[in-house]
Protein backbone atom coordinates (compact mmCIF):
# COMPACT_ATOMS: atom_id res chain seq x y z
CA UNK A 1 33.05 82.78 69.27
CA UNK A 2 35.90 82.86 71.74
CA UNK A 3 37.68 85.45 69.64
CA UNK A 4 34.59 87.70 69.74
CA UNK A 5 34.35 87.45 73.53
CA UNK A 6 38.05 88.24 73.92
CA UNK A 7 37.69 91.27 71.64
CA UNK A 8 34.67 92.54 73.61
CA UNK A 9 36.50 92.06 76.92
CA UNK A 10 39.47 93.96 75.54
CA UNK A 11 37.20 96.84 74.43
CA UNK A 12 35.52 96.92 77.84
CA UNK A 13 38.94 96.99 79.53
CA UNK A 14 40.09 99.92 77.38
CA UNK A 15 36.85 101.82 78.07
CA UNK A 16 37.10 101.38 81.84
CA UNK A 17 40.79 102.31 81.81
CA UNK A 18 40.01 105.45 79.78
CA UNK A 19 37.27 106.46 82.25
CA UNK A 20 39.55 105.93 85.24
CA UNK A 21 42.32 107.88 83.55
CA UNK A 22 39.93 110.70 82.65
CA UNK A 23 38.60 110.94 86.21
CA UNK A 24 42.09 110.95 87.71
CA UNK A 25 43.71 113.31 85.22
CA UNK A 26 42.39 116.57 86.77
CA UNK A 27 43.79 115.53 90.16
CA UNK A 28 47.16 114.83 88.57
CA UNK A 29 47.17 118.24 86.88
CA UNK A 30 46.12 119.98 90.10
CA UNK A 31 48.86 118.24 92.08
CA UNK A 32 51.46 119.15 89.48
CA UNK A 33 50.28 122.76 89.40
CA UNK A 34 50.37 123.00 93.20
CA UNK A 35 53.88 121.60 93.37
CA UNK A 36 55.09 123.73 90.48
CA UNK A 37 57.37 122.89 87.63
CA UNK A 38 61.15 123.47 87.70
CA UNK A 39 62.24 126.72 86.09
CA UNK A 40 65.91 125.85 85.92
CA UNK A 41 68.57 123.29 86.67
CA UNK A 42 71.87 123.25 88.51
CA UNK A 43 75.15 121.41 88.15
CA UNK A 44 77.55 121.37 91.08
CA UNK A 45 81.07 120.56 92.10
CA UNK A 46 82.12 119.79 95.65
CA UNK A 47 79.98 119.96 98.79
CA UNK A 48 76.59 121.43 97.82
CA UNK A 49 73.33 120.71 99.64
CA UNK A 50 69.63 121.56 99.54
CA UNK A 51 67.06 121.74 102.34
CA UNK A 52 64.85 118.67 101.94
CA UNK A 53 62.70 119.75 104.89
CA UNK A 54 63.04 122.17 107.79
CA UNK A 55 66.69 122.13 108.95
CA UNK A 56 67.34 118.84 107.15
CA UNK A 57 69.97 119.18 104.41
CA UNK A 58 70.83 116.61 101.77
CA UNK A 59 73.45 116.44 99.05
CA UNK A 60 72.34 117.46 95.58
CA UNK A 61 72.89 115.42 92.45
CA UNK A 62 76.04 117.10 91.06
CA UNK A 63 75.17 116.29 87.44
CA UNK A 64 71.58 117.54 87.47
CA UNK A 65 69.40 119.20 90.12
CA UNK A 66 66.04 120.83 89.24
CA UNK A 67 65.34 124.31 90.61
CA UNK A 68 61.87 124.86 92.13
CA UNK A 69 60.39 127.93 93.75
CA UNK A 70 61.23 128.01 97.47
CA UNK A 71 64.19 125.62 97.27
CA UNK A 72 67.12 126.52 99.57
CA UNK A 73 70.65 125.79 98.42
CA UNK A 74 73.92 126.14 100.30
CA UNK A 75 77.43 125.67 99.02
CA UNK A 76 80.00 124.85 101.64
CA UNK A 77 83.22 123.69 100.01
CA UNK A 78 81.63 123.60 96.61
CA UNK A 79 80.36 125.73 93.72
CA UNK A 80 77.30 125.59 91.50
CA UNK A 81 76.12 126.90 88.15
CA UNK A 82 72.41 127.60 87.67
CA UNK A 83 70.79 127.79 84.24
CA UNK A 84 67.26 129.23 84.30
CA UNK A 85 64.56 128.94 81.67
CA UNK A 86 64.92 132.62 80.67
CA UNK A 87 68.59 131.95 79.79
CA UNK A 88 69.91 133.58 82.98
CA UNK A 89 73.15 132.05 84.22
CA UNK A 90 74.22 132.29 87.86
CA UNK A 91 77.47 130.97 89.33
CA UNK A 92 77.37 130.46 93.10
CA UNK A 93 80.62 130.74 95.07
CA UNK A 94 81.67 128.75 98.12
CA UNK A 95 79.99 129.24 101.53
CA UNK A 96 76.88 130.75 99.98
CA UNK A 97 73.23 130.43 100.96
CA UNK A 98 70.38 131.27 98.60
CA UNK A 99 66.77 130.60 97.83
CA UNK A 100 64.23 131.56 95.17
CA UNK A 101 61.35 133.52 96.74
CA UNK A 102 59.78 133.58 93.30
CA UNK A 103 60.71 132.24 89.90
CA UNK A 104 62.14 135.65 89.04
CA UNK A 105 63.76 136.58 92.38
CA UNK A 106 66.84 135.08 94.03
CA UNK A 107 67.38 135.80 97.73
CA UNK A 108 71.09 135.72 98.64
CA UNK A 109 71.67 135.42 102.41
CA UNK A 110 75.44 134.94 102.42
CA UNK A 111 78.36 134.36 100.07
CA UNK A 112 78.71 135.57 96.49
CA UNK A 113 77.31 135.07 93.00
CA UNK A 114 78.33 135.94 89.44
CA UNK A 115 75.48 136.48 87.01
CA UNK A 116 74.70 136.93 83.33
CA UNK A 117 71.21 138.31 82.61
CA UNK A 118 69.89 138.57 79.03
CA UNK A 119 68.25 141.83 77.97
CA UNK A 120 64.77 140.27 77.91
CA UNK A 121 65.01 138.63 81.37
CA UNK A 122 63.35 140.16 84.46
CA UNK A 123 65.15 138.47 87.35
CA UNK A 124 66.15 140.44 90.46
CA UNK A 125 68.40 139.72 93.44
CA UNK A 126 67.38 140.38 97.06
CA UNK A 127 70.05 140.89 99.71
CA UNK A 128 68.64 141.88 103.09
CA UNK A 129 66.51 144.96 102.46
CA UNK A 130 67.98 145.93 99.09
CA UNK A 131 67.30 144.74 95.56
CA UNK A 132 69.71 144.54 92.62
CA UNK A 133 68.38 144.33 89.08
CA UNK A 134 69.27 145.34 85.53
CA UNK A 135 68.51 148.97 84.80
CA UNK A 136 65.23 149.46 82.96
CA UNK A 137 64.23 152.88 81.67
CA UNK A 138 60.71 153.90 82.69
CA UNK A 139 60.55 156.84 80.30
CA UNK A 140 57.82 156.62 77.65
CA UNK A 141 57.25 158.69 74.56
CA UNK A 142 54.23 159.08 72.29
CA UNK A 143 56.41 160.05 69.36
CA UNK A 144 57.50 157.03 67.29
CA UNK A 145 60.55 158.97 66.11
CA UNK A 146 62.15 158.95 69.56
CA UNK A 147 64.55 155.98 69.72
CA UNK A 148 64.17 153.64 72.66
CA UNK A 149 67.20 153.23 74.92
CA UNK A 150 69.26 150.15 74.16
CA UNK A 151 68.92 147.43 76.77
CA UNK A 152 71.97 145.21 76.83
CA UNK A 153 72.91 142.03 78.60
CA UNK A 154 73.91 142.55 82.23
CA UNK A 155 77.02 140.82 83.59
CA UNK A 156 78.23 141.35 87.13
CA UNK A 157 78.66 140.01 90.65
CA UNK A 158 77.31 140.43 94.19
CA UNK A 159 79.39 139.75 97.32
CA UNK A 160 78.25 139.80 100.96
CA UNK A 161 81.16 140.66 103.28
CA UNK A 162 81.71 139.42 106.81
CA UNK A 163 80.63 142.78 108.29
CA UNK A 164 77.33 142.69 106.38
CA UNK A 165 78.26 145.20 103.68
CA UNK A 166 77.41 144.29 100.08
CA UNK A 167 79.56 145.02 97.03
CA UNK A 168 77.88 145.08 93.62
CA UNK A 169 80.02 145.09 90.48
CA UNK A 170 78.92 145.64 86.90
CA UNK A 171 81.13 144.27 84.14
CA UNK A 172 78.62 145.01 81.40
CA UNK A 173 75.32 146.83 81.39
CA UNK A 174 73.78 149.13 83.98
CA UNK A 175 72.37 147.98 87.32
CA UNK A 176 69.87 149.57 89.71
CA UNK A 177 70.03 149.16 93.50
CA UNK A 178 66.73 149.76 95.29
CA UNK A 179 65.57 149.85 98.90
CA UNK A 180 62.76 147.71 100.27
CA UNK A 181 60.36 150.56 99.42
CA UNK A 182 61.63 150.51 95.82
CA UNK A 183 63.49 153.79 96.29
CA UNK A 184 66.60 154.02 94.09
CA UNK A 185 69.74 153.96 96.26
CA UNK A 186 72.26 153.82 93.43
CA UNK A 187 72.46 153.54 89.65
CA UNK A 188 75.54 151.60 88.68
CA UNK A 189 76.93 152.13 85.16
CA UNK A 190 78.89 149.55 83.21
CA UNK A 191 82.36 148.67 84.52
CA UNK A 192 81.82 150.21 87.94
CA UNK A 193 81.21 149.01 91.49
CA UNK A 194 79.49 150.20 94.65
CA UNK A 195 79.54 149.07 98.27
CA UNK A 196 76.39 149.38 100.36
CA UNK A 197 77.07 149.62 104.14
CA UNK A 198 75.61 146.97 106.41
CA UNK A 199 73.32 149.49 108.13
CA UNK A 200 71.52 150.10 104.83
CA UNK A 201 71.37 146.40 103.96
CA UNK A 202 69.94 145.38 107.33
CA UNK A 203 67.45 148.23 107.80
CA UNK A 204 65.24 150.13 105.32
CA UNK A 205 66.78 153.44 104.28
CA UNK A 206 65.94 156.17 101.78
CA UNK A 207 69.38 157.76 101.96
CA UNK A 208 72.15 156.94 99.53
CA UNK A 209 75.16 156.36 101.77
CA UNK A 210 77.52 154.46 99.48
CA UNK A 211 79.92 155.75 96.89
CA UNK A 212 80.89 154.10 93.64
CA UNK A 213 84.18 152.25 93.84
CA UNK A 214 84.25 152.04 97.65
CA UNK A 215 85.37 148.77 99.19
CA UNK A 216 83.92 147.15 102.27
CA UNK A 217 87.10 147.95 104.25
CA UNK A 218 86.80 151.65 103.41
CA UNK A 219 83.16 151.71 104.46
CA UNK A 220 83.91 149.91 107.71
CA UNK A 221 86.84 152.23 108.48
CA UNK A 222 84.68 155.30 107.84
CA UNK A 223 81.94 154.01 110.11
CA UNK A 224 84.45 153.41 112.93
CA UNK A 225 85.77 156.94 112.63
CA UNK A 226 82.34 158.43 113.28
CA UNK A 227 81.94 159.74 116.85
CA UNK A 228 79.02 158.40 118.91
CA UNK A 229 75.99 160.65 119.15
CA UNK A 230 76.44 161.35 122.87
CA UNK A 231 79.94 162.75 122.21
CA UNK A 232 78.52 165.19 119.68
CA UNK A 233 75.79 166.22 122.13
CA UNK A 234 78.31 166.67 124.96
CA UNK A 235 80.57 168.74 122.75
CA UNK A 236 77.61 170.96 121.80
CA UNK A 237 76.65 171.59 125.41
CA UNK A 238 80.27 172.36 126.30
CA UNK A 239 80.50 174.90 123.48
CA UNK A 240 77.26 176.58 124.60
CA UNK A 241 78.45 176.73 128.23
CA UNK A 242 81.80 178.19 127.21
CA UNK A 243 80.11 180.87 125.10
CA UNK A 244 77.75 181.74 127.96
CA UNK A 245 80.65 182.01 130.41
CA UNK A 246 82.57 184.33 128.12
CA UNK A 247 79.47 186.50 127.62
CA UNK A 248 78.83 186.79 131.39
CA UNK A 249 82.47 187.71 132.01
CA UNK A 250 82.48 190.52 129.47
CA UNK A 251 79.08 191.76 130.67
CA UNK A 252 80.38 192.05 134.27
CA UNK A 253 83.42 193.94 133.04
CA UNK A 254 81.18 196.28 131.09
CA UNK A 255 78.95 196.93 134.13
CA UNK A 256 81.96 197.58 136.34
CA UNK A 257 83.39 200.04 133.83
CA UNK A 258 80.09 201.95 133.68
CA UNK A 259 79.89 202.16 137.49
CA UNK A 260 83.42 203.55 137.66
CA UNK A 261 82.56 206.17 135.08
CA UNK A 262 79.51 207.34 137.10
CA UNK A 263 81.52 207.82 140.35
CA UNK A 264 82.62 211.51 140.61
CA UNK A 265 86.32 212.10 141.01
CA UNK A 266 87.08 214.54 143.89
CA UNK A 267 89.65 217.25 143.10
């Protein structure tokens, strides 16, 4: 008799527990979905921190740190290696600041990164108002005989200089550099580099102003050599005034010569 009552109580307990678990499960799923799941992990060495809340930074676990959307990470005297779920690998240099705006977009605010992007991955890097991503051909063909262009793994680096210029290097694969309006600023082939001036990085621009292989020092030196706009305007006005003065002088000489020719010469 006692055994039957214990068994019934145990069944009732399991039933109530199952109902409570069933009622609470949707809330658990909703909370997990709202928070988001990590799409990568990071291992670190040295002084590396993350923003726990607004302007409050805490040290990361050097052996394992999950990467969530919106997390901000800064390396001071340390380095980090990020491994994402799409097999992308990103090495973060010292004195760098980055965040993931989306699962497939890394926003680099300062410092440098080295990256390895598989052919099937779709990640992009945002630096100021420019975007860096693996080159993807948009050409389509209805003919099945036309071979598709080979998409290879992209390996390269991005460095933000002290003057705000950005150098992009490609060790393998082609890279595309786009403006904020998704206008192509440069197409970088394999084993090449390009430096984007700070004026293009900080403000939207549709003009390609960088040359492949340029360094940040060369770009800065060229920008310093440019004369201010008011000097060019002043020089233009001076040239116009000089030309007008010369024209008036020769016109007066011409008028004087004609008057002398009209005066009769007495014998």
